[in-house]
Amino acid sequence: MSPGDTMEQHLNKLGAMAEELDAIGATVPTEVKVMVLLMRLPESHEVLATSLESLESIDPNKLTWEVVASRLLNEELMRREKVGLFESSTETALIFAQKKFESKGSKDKT
């Protein structure tokens, strides 16, 4: 996965590569596409990749491109929401601290 890419961009790039190979007659089996996808994930997705790989040992038919793509997109969405919540709570804390400081400053002037 290239730095700065979203998961959707990553999935689209790998999907396009697989389609190009299919177009020239070099069909890539689903298992290989999935393994390449998992291997190209950043370290921050290592736990999810490992859990998905273990799914294959339980039932190889369940580890499809669609299942993996869906899980990865959901993971990215959850991570973005967490970052948004963190940023929102940090902003709220800063505003609260600023108001507290301003109110303390106005008390000191009297």
Protein backbone atom coordinates (compact mmCIF):
# COMPACT_ATOMS: atom_id res chain seq x y z
CA MET A 1 0.00 0.00 0.00
CA SER A 2 1.44 3.34 -1.00
CA PRO A 3 1.79 5.99 1.71
CA GLY A 4 -1.14 8.38 1.62
CA ASP A 5 -3.43 5.97 -0.23
CA THR A 6 -6.83 5.21 1.18
CA MET A 7 -7.84 1.59 1.46
CA GLU A 8 -10.26 2.09 -1.43
CA GLN A 9 -7.44 3.39 -3.64
CA HIS A 10 -5.27 0.44 -2.63
CA LEU A 11 -8.02 -2.04 -3.44
CA ASN A 12 -8.71 -0.34 -6.77
CA LYS A 13 -5.03 -0.45 -7.76
CA LEU A 14 -4.67 -4.13 -6.96
CA GLY A 15 -7.99 -4.93 -8.62
CA ALA A 16 -6.90 -3.08 -11.76
CA MET A 17 -3.62 -5.02 -11.83
CA ALA A 18 -5.49 -8.30 -11.58
CA GLU A 19 -7.83 -7.22 -14.40
CA GLU A 20 -4.86 -6.29 -16.60
CA LEU A 21 -3.37 -9.72 -16.03
CA ASP A 22 -6.71 -11.36 -16.81
CA ALA A 23 -6.90 -9.34 -20.04
CA ILE A 24 -3.64 -10.83 -21.30
CA GLY A 25 -4.65 -14.34 -20.30
CA ALA A 26 -2.70 -14.57 -17.05
CA THR A 27 -5.62 -15.16 -14.71
CA VAL A 28 -4.69 -14.76 -11.06
CA PRO A 29 -6.47 -17.13 -8.66
CA THR A 30 -8.54 -15.49 -5.92
CA GLU A 31 -6.31 -16.94 -3.21
CA VAL A 32 -3.26 -15.28 -4.74
CA LYS A 33 -5.04 -11.91 -5.11
CA VAL A 34 -6.09 -12.06 -1.46
CA MET A 35 -2.62 -13.02 -0.25
CA VAL A 36 -1.01 -10.21 -2.26
CA LEU A 37 -3.56 -7.79 -0.85
CA LEU A 38 -2.83 -8.87 2.72
CA MET A 39 0.93 -8.83 2.22
CA ARG A 40 0.88 -5.27 0.85
CA LEU A 41 -0.89 -3.82 3.89
CA PRO A 42 1.03 -1.51 6.21
CA GLU A 43 2.19 -2.76 9.61
CA SER A 44 -0.68 -0.93 11.25
CA HIS A 45 -3.01 -3.53 9.72
CA GLU A 46 -0.95 -6.56 10.79
CA VAL A 47 -3.43 -7.79 13.42
CA LEU A 48 -6.34 -7.63 10.98
CA ALA A 49 -4.30 -9.35 8.25
CA THR A 50 -3.35 -12.14 10.65
CA SER A 51 -6.95 -12.65 11.74
CA LEU A 52 -8.08 -12.79 8.11
CA GLU A 53 -5.32 -15.26 7.26
CA SER A 54 -6.46 -17.48 10.13
CA LEU A 55 -9.94 -17.45 8.62
CA GLU A 56 -8.45 -19.21 5.61
CA SER A 57 -7.19 -22.07 7.77
CA ILE A 58 -10.71 -22.54 9.13
CA ASP A 59 -12.50 -22.34 5.79
CA PRO A 60 -10.48 -21.48 2.66
CA ASN A 61 -13.70 -20.67 0.75
CA LYS A 62 -14.49 -17.78 3.11
CA LEU A 63 -11.37 -15.77 2.34
CA THR A 64 -12.60 -14.10 -0.83
CA TRP A 65 -11.60 -10.75 -2.31
CA GLU A 66 -15.02 -9.35 -1.38
CA VAL A 67 -14.81 -10.48 2.25
CA VAL A 68 -11.28 -9.14 2.71
CA ALA A 69 -12.05 -5.86 0.92
CA SER A 70 -15.14 -5.34 3.04
CA ARG A 71 -13.24 -5.98 6.29
CA LEU A 72 -10.43 -3.65 5.26
CA LEU A 73 -12.80 -0.86 4.29
CA ASN A 74 -14.69 -1.27 7.58
CA GLU A 75 -11.40 -1.16 9.49
CA GLU A 76 -10.38 2.05 7.75
CA LEU A 77 -13.76 3.61 8.52
CA MET A 78 -13.49 2.69 12.21
CA ARG A 79 -9.96 4.12 12.37
CA ARG A 80 -11.09 7.37 10.76
CA GLU A 81 -13.98 7.65 13.20
CA LYS A 82 -11.61 7.12 16.14
CA VAL A 83 -9.29 9.83 14.83
CA GLY A 84 -12.28 12.13 14.35
CA LEU A 85 -13.45 11.47 17.90
CA PHE A 86 -9.95 12.09 19.23
CA GLU A 87 -9.62 15.33 17.28
CA SER A 88 -13.07 16.42 18.41
CA SER A 89 -12.37 15.70 22.08
CA THR A 90 -8.98 17.41 21.87
CA GLU A 91 -10.57 20.47 20.31
CA THR A 92 -13.25 20.51 23.00
CA ALA A 93 -10.61 20.27 25.73
CA LEU A 94 -8.64 23.15 24.22
CA ILE A 95 -11.73 25.34 24.00
CA PHE A 96 -12.62 24.50 27.59
CA ALA A 97 -9.07 25.31 28.76
CA GLN A 98 -9.08 28.58 26.83
CA LYS A 99 -12.42 29.64 28.34
CA LYS A 100 -11.20 28.71 31.80
CA PHE A 101 -8.02 30.71 31.26
CA GLU A 102 -9.99 33.69 29.92
CA SER A 103 -12.42 33.64 32.85
CA LYS A 104 -9.50 33.42 35.31
CA GLY A 105 -7.87 36.37 33.55
CA SER A 106 -11.00 38.50 33.88
CA LYS A 107 -11.22 37.67 37.61
CA ASP A 108 -7.60 38.71 38.12
CA LYS A 109 -8.32 42.14 36.57
CA THR A 110 -11.04 42.93 39.12
